[in-house]
């Protein structure tokens, strides 16, 4: 698996990729950050499914760290709220 770590906190997703996967993925940076802009109930579902997808497979092929929690959200104007 190309993913080393995946951290979803609120609606902010940060993914760290294995260096050896970057060329195959045509990426130069192993860190990807994204804000999930969707209704709250969709973010909850995404959080549940993401955890399942990243935990699936051989033990030696799953990410070493997966954190999925709902304690931070992006507030109006881009400021983080708790």
PDB file of N, CA and C in Angstrom:
ATOM      1  N   UNK A   1       0.843  -1.173   0.000  1.00  0.00           N
ATOM      2  CA  UNK A   1       0.000   0.000   0.000  1.00  0.00           C
ATOM      3  C   UNK A   1       0.886   1.233   0.000  1.00  0.00           C
ATOM      4  N   UNK A   2       0.454   2.237  -0.682  1.00  0.00           N
ATOM      5  CA  UNK A   2       1.216   3.471  -0.800  1.00  0.00           C
ATOM      6  C   UNK A   2       1.066   4.382   0.420  1.00  0.00           C
ATOM      7  N   UNK A   3       0.027   4.164   1.221  1.00  0.00           N
ATOM      8  CA  UNK A   3      -0.270   5.055   2.351  1.00  0.00           C
ATOM      9  C   UNK A   3       0.469   4.598   3.605  1.00  0.00           C
ATOM     10  N   UNK A   4       1.249   5.520   4.187  1.00  0.00           N
ATOM     11  CA  UNK A   4       1.907   5.263   5.487  1.00  0.00           C
ATOM     12  C   UNK A   4       0.969   5.625   6.626  1.00  0.00           C
ATOM     13  N   UNK A   5       0.398   6.823   6.512  1.00  0.00           N
ATOM     14  CA  UNK A   5      -0.466   7.346   7.564  1.00  0.00           C
ATOM     15  C   UNK A   5      -1.650   8.052   6.935  1.00  0.00           C
ATOM     16  N   UNK A   6      -2.777   7.992   7.617  1.00  0.00           N
ATOM     17  CA  UNK A   6      -3.960   8.749   7.231  1.00  0.00           C
ATOM     18  C   UNK A   6      -4.586   9.283   8.504  1.00  0.00           C
ATOM     19  N   UNK A   7      -4.732  10.590   8.570  1.00  0.00           N
ATOM     20  CA  UNK A   7      -5.305  11.221   9.752  1.00  0.00           C
ATOM     21  C   UNK A   7      -6.461  12.108   9.294  1.00  0.00           C
ATOM     22  N   UNK A   8      -7.659  11.776   9.746  1.00  0.00           N
ATOM     23  CA  UNK A   8      -8.847  12.573   9.468  1.00  0.00           C
ATOM     24  C   UNK A   8      -9.319  13.134  10.795  1.00  0.00           C
ATOM     25  N   UNK A   9      -9.187  14.429  10.946  1.00  0.00           N
ATOM     26  CA  UNK A   9      -9.606  15.109  12.165  1.00  0.00           C
ATOM     27  C   UNK A   9     -10.669  16.119  11.777  1.00  0.00           C
ATOM     28  N   UNK A  10     -11.898  15.862  12.211  1.00  0.00           N
ATOM     29  CA  UNK A  10     -13.003  16.713  11.770  1.00  0.00           C
ATOM     30  C   UNK A  10     -13.185  16.539  10.275  1.00  0.00           C
ATOM     31  N   UNK A  11     -12.993  17.622   9.527  1.00  0.00           N
ATOM     32  CA  UNK A  11     -13.125  17.544   8.077  1.00  0.00           C
ATOM     33  C   UNK A  11     -11.785  17.755   7.366  1.00  0.00           C
ATOM     34  N   UNK A  12     -10.676  17.679   8.101  1.00  0.00           N
ATOM     35  CA  UNK A  12      -9.342  17.839   7.521  1.00  0.00           C
ATOM     36  C   UNK A  12      -8.660  16.468   7.421  1.00  0.00           C
ATOM     37  N   UNK A  13      -8.296  16.083   6.202  1.00  0.00           N
ATOM     38  CA  UNK A  13      -7.652  14.798   5.950  1.00  0.00           C
ATOM     39  C   UNK A  13      -6.197  15.030   5.572  1.00  0.00           C
ATOM     40  N   UNK A  14      -5.294  14.330   6.259  1.00  0.00           N
ATOM     41  CA  UNK A  14      -3.867  14.377   5.922  1.00  0.00           C
ATOM     42  C   UNK A  14      -3.396  12.959   5.659  1.00  0.00           C
ATOM     43  N   UNK A  15      -2.795  12.763   4.479  1.00  0.00           N
ATOM     44  CA  UNK A  15      -2.314  11.447   4.071  1.00  0.00           C
ATOM     45  C   UNK A  15      -0.818  11.540   3.807  1.00  0.00           C
ATOM     46  N   UNK A  16      -0.058  10.615   4.380  1.00  0.00           N
ATOM     47  CA  UNK A  16       1.384  10.510   4.125  1.00  0.00           C
ATOM     48  C   UNK A  16       1.612   9.257   3.298  1.00  0.00           C
ATOM     49  N   UNK A  17       2.346   9.426   2.199  1.00  0.00           N
ATOM     50  CA  UNK A  17       2.608   8.317   1.291  1.00  0.00           C
ATOM     51  C   UNK A  17       4.020   7.796   1.459  1.00  0.00           C
ATOM     52  N   UNK A  18       4.211   6.529   1.159  1.00  0.00           N
ATOM     53  CA  UNK A  18       5.538   5.926   1.191  1.00  0.00           C
ATOM     54  C   UNK A  18       6.378   6.531   0.061  1.00  0.00           C
ATOM     55  N   UNK A  19       7.636   6.879   0.333  1.00  0.00           N
ATOM     56  CA  UNK A  19       8.488   7.495  -0.686  1.00  0.00           C
ATOM     57  C   UNK A  19       8.597   6.664  -1.963  1.00  0.00           C
ATOM     58  N   UNK A  20       8.644   5.337  -1.838  1.00  0.00           N
ATOM     59  CA  UNK A  20       8.797   4.494  -3.021  1.00  0.00           C
ATOM     60  C   UNK A  20       7.550   4.479  -3.914  1.00  0.00           C
ATOM     61  N   UNK A  21       6.419   4.980  -3.424  1.00  0.00           N
ATOM     62  CA  UNK A  21       5.179   5.000  -4.209  1.00  0.00           C
ATOM     63  C   UNK A  21       5.011   6.286  -5.016  1.00  0.00           C
ATOM     64  N   UNK A  22       5.798   7.313  -4.708  1.00  0.00           N
ATOM     65  CA  UNK A  22       5.602   8.618  -5.341  1.00  0.00           C
ATOM     66  C   UNK A  22       5.745   8.572  -6.854  1.00  0.00           C
ATOM     67  N   UNK A  23       6.742   7.880  -7.365  1.00  0.00           N
ATOM     68  CA  UNK A  23       6.945   7.841  -8.809  1.00  0.00           C
ATOM     69  C   UNK A  23       5.763   7.175  -9.513  1.00  0.00           C
ATOM     70  N   UNK A  24       5.302   6.051  -8.988  1.00  0.00           N
ATOM     71  CA  UNK A  24       4.157   5.361  -9.590  1.00  0.00           C
ATOM     72  C   UNK A  24       2.900   6.229  -9.586  1.00  0.00           C
ATOM     73  N   UNK A  25       2.761   7.047  -8.557  1.00  0.00           N
ATOM     74  CA  UNK A  25       1.592   7.923  -8.440  1.00  0.00           C
ATOM     75  C   UNK A  25       1.787   9.266  -9.150  1.00  0.00           C
ATOM     76  N   UNK A  26       2.985   9.456  -9.713  1.00  0.00           N
ATOM     77  CA  UNK A  26       3.352  10.709 -10.402  1.00  0.00           C
ATOM     78  C   UNK A  26       3.230  11.919  -9.477  1.00  0.00           C
ATOM     79  N   UNK A  27       3.719  11.747  -8.271  1.00  0.00           N
ATOM     80  CA  UNK A  27       3.704  12.814  -7.277  1.00  0.00           C
ATOM     81  C   UNK A  27       5.129  13.120  -6.846  1.00  0.00           C
ATOM     82  N   UNK A  28       5.371  14.369  -6.458  1.00  0.00           N
ATOM     83  CA  UNK A  28       6.689  14.733  -5.949  1.00  0.00           C
ATOM     84  C   UNK A  28       6.675  14.924  -4.441  1.00  0.00           C
ATOM     85  N   UNK A  29       5.491  15.092  -3.865  1.00  0.00           N
ATOM     86  CA  UNK A  29       5.357  15.332  -2.433  1.00  0.00           C
ATOM     87  C   UNK A  29       4.589  14.180  -1.806  1.00  0.00           C
ATOM     88  N   UNK A  30       5.102  13.635  -0.730  1.00  0.00           N
ATOM     89  CA  UNK A  30       4.475  12.515  -0.050  1.00  0.00           C
ATOM     90  C   UNK A  30       3.427  12.901   0.964  1.00  0.00           C
ATOM     91  N   UNK A  31       3.140  14.195   1.090  1.00  0.00           N
ATOM     92  CA  UNK A  31       2.123  14.658   2.039  1.00  0.00           C
ATOM     93  C   UNK A  31       0.971  15.282   1.255  1.00  0.00           C
ATOM     94  N   UNK A  32      -0.236  14.797   1.507  1.00  0.00           N
ATOM     95  CA  UNK A  32      -1.426  15.335   0.858  1.00  0.00           C
ATOM     96  C   UNK A  32      -2.373  15.795   1.954  1.00  0.00           C
ATOM     97  N   UNK A  33      -2.861  17.016   1.822  1.00  0.00           N
ATOM     98  CA  UNK A  33      -3.829  17.537   2.783  1.00  0.00           C
ATOM     99  C   UNK A  33      -5.053  18.013   2.028  1.00  0.00           C
ATOM    100  N   UNK A  34      -6.226  17.718   2.580  1.00  0.00           N
ATOM    101  CA  UNK A  34      -7.476  18.115   1.945  1.00  0.00           C
ATOM    102  C   UNK A  34      -8.521  18.405   3.011  1.00  0.00           C
ATOM    103  N   UNK A  35      -9.425  19.303   2.674  1.00  0.00           N
ATOM    104  CA  UNK A  35     -10.576  19.577   3.530  1.00  0.00           C
ATOM    105  C   UNK A  35     -11.783  18.957   2.846  1.00  0.00           C
ATOM    106  N   UNK A  36     -12.515  18.152   3.585  1.00  0.00           N
ATOM    107  CA  UNK A  36     -13.704  17.504   3.060  1.00  0.00           C
ATOM    108  C   UNK A  36     -14.863  18.485   3.202  1.00  0.00           C
ATOM    109  N   UNK A  37     -15.307  19.024   2.071  1.00  0.00           N
ATOM    110  CA  UNK A  37     -16.413  19.978   2.084  1.00  0.00           C
ATOM    111  C   UNK A  37     -17.681  19.245   1.690  1.00  0.00           C
ATOM    112  N   UNK A  38     -18.414  18.811   2.701  1.00  0.00           N
ATOM    113  CA  UNK A  38     -19.631  18.034   2.490  1.00  0.00           C
ATOM    114  C   UNK A  38     -20.515  18.203   3.720  1.00  0.00           C
ATOM    115  N   UNK A  39     -21.794  17.873   3.588  1.00  0.00           N
ATOM    116  CA  UNK A  39     -22.666  17.914   4.761  1.00  0.00           C
ATOM    117  C   UNK A  39     -22.106  17.023   5.878  1.00  0.00           C
ATOM    118  N   UNK A  40     -22.369  17.410   7.118  1.00  0.00           N
ATOM    119  CA  UNK A  40     -21.813  16.715   8.282  1.00  0.00           C
ATOM    120  C   UNK A  40     -22.093  15.213   8.258  1.00  0.00           C
ATOM    121  N   UNK A  41     -23.311  14.821   7.867  1.00  0.00           N
ATOM    122  CA  UNK A  41     -23.633  13.396   7.850  1.00  0.00           C
ATOM    123  C   UNK A  41     -22.808  12.641   6.808  1.00  0.00           C
ATOM    124  N   UNK A  42     -22.439  13.293   5.719  1.00  0.00           N
ATOM    125  CA  UNK A  42     -21.587  12.659   4.715  1.00  0.00           C
ATOM    126  C   UNK A  42     -20.152  12.517   5.213  1.00  0.00           C
ATOM    127  N   UNK A  43     -19.688  13.499   5.972  1.00  0.00           N
ATOM    128  CA  UNK A  43     -18.344  13.416   6.549  1.00  0.00           C
ATOM    129  C   UNK A  43     -18.287  12.275   7.566  1.00  0.00           C
ATOM    130  N   UNK A  44     -19.343  12.097   8.336  1.00  0.00           N
ATOM    131  CA  UNK A  44     -19.412  10.982   9.298  1.00  0.00           C
ATOM    132  C   UNK A  44     -19.317   9.654   8.552  1.00  0.00           C
ATOM    133  N   UNK A  45     -20.066   9.497   7.478  1.00  0.00           N
ATOM    134  CA  UNK A  45     -20.024   8.268   6.683  1.00  0.00           C
ATOM    135  C   UNK A  45     -18.639   8.076   6.062  1.00  0.00           C
ATOM    136  N   UNK A  46     -18.053   9.144   5.517  1.00  0.00           N
ATOM    137  CA  UNK A  46     -16.714   9.073   4.932  1.00  0.00           C
ATOM    138  C   UNK A  46     -15.707   8.597   5.978  1.00  0.00           C
ATOM    139  N   UNK A  47     -15.817   9.128   7.191  1.00  0.00           N
ATOM    140  CA  UNK A  47     -14.916   8.754   8.282  1.00  0.00           C
ATOM    141  C   UNK A  47     -15.009   7.250   8.568  1.00  0.00           C
ATOM    142  N   UNK A  48     -16.223   6.722   8.638  1.00  0.00           N
ATOM    143  CA  UNK A  48     -16.429   5.298   8.911  1.00  0.00           C
ATOM    144  C   UNK A  48     -15.861   4.424   7.795  1.00  0.00           C
ATOM    145  N   UNK A  49     -16.151   4.793   6.562  1.00  0.00           N
ATOM    146  CA  UNK A  49     -15.709   3.995   5.419  1.00  0.00           C
ATOM    147  C   UNK A  49     -14.196   4.092   5.249  1.00  0.00           C
ATOM    148  N   UNK A  50     -13.624   5.265   5.434  1.00  0.00           N
ATOM    149  CA  UNK A  50     -12.176   5.432   5.305  1.00  0.00           C
ATOM    150  C   UNK A  50     -11.442   4.510   6.270  1.00  0.00           C
ATOM    151  N   UNK A  51     -11.888   4.453   7.505  1.00  0.00           N
ATOM    152  CA  UNK A  51     -11.251   3.579   8.493  1.00  0.00           C
ATOM    153  C   UNK A  51     -11.323   2.119   8.066  1.00  0.00           C
ATOM    154  N   UNK A  52     -12.451   1.699   7.515  1.00  0.00           N
ATOM    155  CA  UNK A  52     -12.608   0.316   7.055  1.00  0.00           C
ATOM    156  C   UNK A  52     -11.694   0.024   5.866  1.00  0.00           C
ATOM    157  N   UNK A  53     -11.661   0.922   4.906  1.00  0.00           N
ATOM    158  CA  UNK A  53     -10.845   0.716   3.697  1.00  0.00           C
ATOM    159  C   UNK A  53      -9.364   0.620   4.059  1.00  0.00           C
ATOM    160  N   UNK A  54      -8.907   1.501   4.926  1.00  0.00           N
ATOM    161  CA  UNK A  54      -7.484   1.523   5.277  1.00  0.00           C
ATOM    162  C   UNK A  54      -7.079   0.360   6.174  1.00  0.00           C
ATOM    163  N   UNK A  55      -8.038  -0.288   6.821  1.00  0.00           N
ATOM    164  CA  UNK A  55      -7.730  -1.430   7.679  1.00  0.00           C
ATOM    165  C   UNK A  55      -7.813  -2.757   6.920  1.00  0.00           C
ATOM    166  N   UNK A  56      -8.271  -2.729   5.691  1.00  0.00           N
ATOM    167  CA  UNK A  56      -8.482  -3.947   4.906  1.00  0.00           C
ATOM    168  C   UNK A  56      -7.174  -4.423   4.272  1.00  0.00           C
ATOM    169  N   UNK A  57      -6.932  -5.697   4.302  1.00  0.00           N
ATOM    170  CA  UNK A  57      -5.783  -6.271   3.607  1.00  0.00           C
ATOM    171  C   UNK A  57      -4.798  -6.928   4.554  1.00  0.00           C
ATOM    172  N   UNK A  58      -3.663  -7.296   3.973  1.00  0.00           N
ATOM    173  CA  UNK A  58      -2.608  -7.957   4.750  1.00  0.00           C
ATOM    174  C   UNK A  58      -2.064  -7.008   5.813  1.00  0.00           C
ATOM    175  N   UNK A  59      -1.674  -7.566   6.929  1.00  0.00           N
ATOM    176  CA  UNK A  59      -1.144  -6.762   8.040  1.00  0.00           C
ATOM    177  C   UNK A  59       0.095  -5.971   7.631  1.00  0.00           C
ATOM    178  N   UNK A  60       0.909  -6.513   6.726  1.00  0.00           N
ATOM    179  CA  UNK A  60       2.127  -5.810   6.312  1.00  0.00           C
ATOM    180  C   UNK A  60       1.876  -4.782   5.209  1.00  0.00           C
ATOM    181  N   UNK A  61       0.612  -4.647   4.768  1.00  0.00           N
ATOM    182  CA  UNK A  61       0.310  -3.724   3.680  1.00  0.00           C
ATOM    183  C   UNK A  61      -0.623  -2.594   4.086  1.00  0.00           C
ATOM    184  N   UNK A  62      -1.060  -2.572   5.324  1.00  0.00           N
ATOM    185  CA  UNK A  62      -1.950  -1.494   5.770  1.00  0.00           C
ATOM    186  C   UNK A  62      -1.110  -0.365   6.354  1.00  0.00           C
ATOM    187  N   UNK A  63      -1.665   0.852   6.396  1.00  0.00           N
ATOM    188  CA  UNK A  63      -0.923   1.979   6.962  1.00  0.00           C
ATOM    189  C   UNK A  63      -0.492   1.710   8.404  1.00  0.00           C
ATOM    190  N   UNK A  64       0.650   2.266   8.789  1.00  0.00           N
ATOM    191  CA  UNK A  64       1.135   2.083  10.150  1.00  0.00           C
ATOM    192  C   UNK A  64       0.362   2.938  11.146  1.00  0.00           C
ATOM    193  N   UNK A  65      -0.310   3.968  10.656  1.00  0.00           N
ATOM    194  CA  UNK A  65      -1.072   4.846  11.547  1.00  0.00           C
ATOM    195  C   UNK A  65      -2.323   5.334  10.833  1.00  0.00           C
ATOM    196  N   UNK A  66      -3.471   5.097  11.448  1.00  0.00           N
ATOM    197  CA  UNK A  66      -4.748   5.606  10.958  1.00  0.00           C
ATOM    198  C   UNK A  66      -5.458   6.236  12.141  1.00  0.00           C
ATOM    199  N   UNK A  67      -5.776   7.516  12.016  1.00  0.00           N
ATOM    200  CA  UNK A  67      -6.500   8.238  13.065  1.00  0.00           C
ATOM    201  C   UNK A  67      -7.722   8.861  12.408  1.00  0.00           C
ATOM    202  N   UNK A  68      -8.888   8.543  12.932  1.00  0.00           N
ATOM    203  CA  UNK A  68     -10.128   9.071  12.390  1.00  0.00           C
ATOM    204  C   UNK A  68     -10.942   9.566  13.574  1.00  0.00           C
ATOM    205  N   UNK A  69     -11.044  10.880  13.688  1.00  0.00           N
ATOM    206  CA  UNK A  69     -11.818  11.430  14.801  1.00  0.00           C
ATOM    207  C   UNK A  69     -12.547  12.693  14.366  1.00  0.00           C
ATOM    208  N   UNK A  70     -13.511  13.079  15.166  1.00  0.00           N
ATOM    209  CA  UNK A  70     -14.429  14.134  14.766  1.00  0.00           C
ATOM    210  C   UNK A  70     -14.285  15.408  15.586  1.00  0.00           C
ATOM    211  N   UNK A  71     -13.139  15.659  16.196  1.00  0.00           N
ATOM    212  CA  UNK A  71     -13.063  16.759  17.154  1.00  0.00           C
ATOM    213  C   UNK A  71     -12.687  18.120  16.583  1.00  0.00           C
ATOM    214  N   UNK A  72     -12.313  18.211  15.312  1.00  0.00           N
ATOM    215  CA  UNK A  72     -11.994  19.532  14.752  1.00  0.00           C
ATOM    216  C   UNK A  72     -12.734  19.714  13.444  1.00  0.00           C
ATOM    217  N   UNK A  73     -13.218  20.924  13.235  1.00  0.00           N
ATOM    218  CA  UNK A  73     -13.879  21.273  11.976  1.00  0.00           C
ATOM    219  C   UNK A  73     -13.345  22.619  11.525  1.00  0.00           C
ATOM    220  N   UNK A  74     -13.436  22.851  10.236  1.00  0.00           N
ATOM    221  CA  UNK A  74     -13.069  24.147   9.687  1.00  0.00           C
ATOM    222  C   UNK A  74     -14.251  25.076   9.899  1.00  0.00           C
ATOM    223  N   UNK A  75     -14.016  26.202  10.539  1.00  0.00           N
ATOM    224  CA  UNK A  75     -15.080  27.146  10.791  1.00  0.00           C
ATOM    225  C   UNK A  75     -15.202  28.167   9.676  1.00  0.00           C
ATOM    226  N   UNK A  76     -16.180  29.059   9.771  1.00  0.00           N
ATOM    227  CA  UNK A  76     -16.339  30.109   8.766  1.00  0.00           C
ATOM    228  C   UNK A  76     -15.056  30.922   8.646  1.00  0.00           C
ATOM    229  N   UNK A  77     -14.690  31.251   7.456  1.00  0.00           N
ATOM    230  CA  UNK A  77     -13.483  32.036   7.228  1.00  0.00           C
ATOM    231  C   UNK A  77     -12.214  31.221   7.302  1.00  0.00           C
ATOM    232  N   UNK A  78     -12.309  29.890   7.414  1.00  0.00           N
ATOM    233  CA  UNK A  78     -11.139  29.035   7.408  1.00  0.00           C
ATOM    234  C   UNK A  78     -10.524  28.767   8.763  1.00  0.00           C
ATOM    235  N   UNK A  79     -11.022  29.426   9.826  1.00  0.00           N
ATOM    236  CA  UNK A  79     -10.449  29.181  11.156  1.00  0.00           C
ATOM    237  C   UNK A  79     -10.902  27.857  11.716  1.00  0.00           C
ATOM    238  N   UNK A  80     -10.009  27.174  12.402  1.00  0.00           N
ATOM    239  CA  UNK A  80     -10.359  25.876  12.980  1.00  0.00           C
ATOM    240  C   UNK A  80     -11.160  26.101  14.264  1.00  0.00           C
ATOM    241  N   UNK A  81     -12.151  25.231  14.446  1.00  0.00           N
ATOM    242  CA  UNK A  81     -12.939  25.289  15.674  1.00  0.00           C
ATOM    243  C   UNK A  81     -12.915  23.915  16.322  1.00  0.00           C
ATOM    244  N   UNK A  82     -13.139  23.879  17.625  1.00  0.00           N
ATOM    245  CA  UNK A  82     -13.187  22.606  18.350  1.00  0.00           C
ATOM    246  C   UNK A  82     -14.598  22.364  18.823  1.00  0.00           C
TER     247      UNK A  82
END
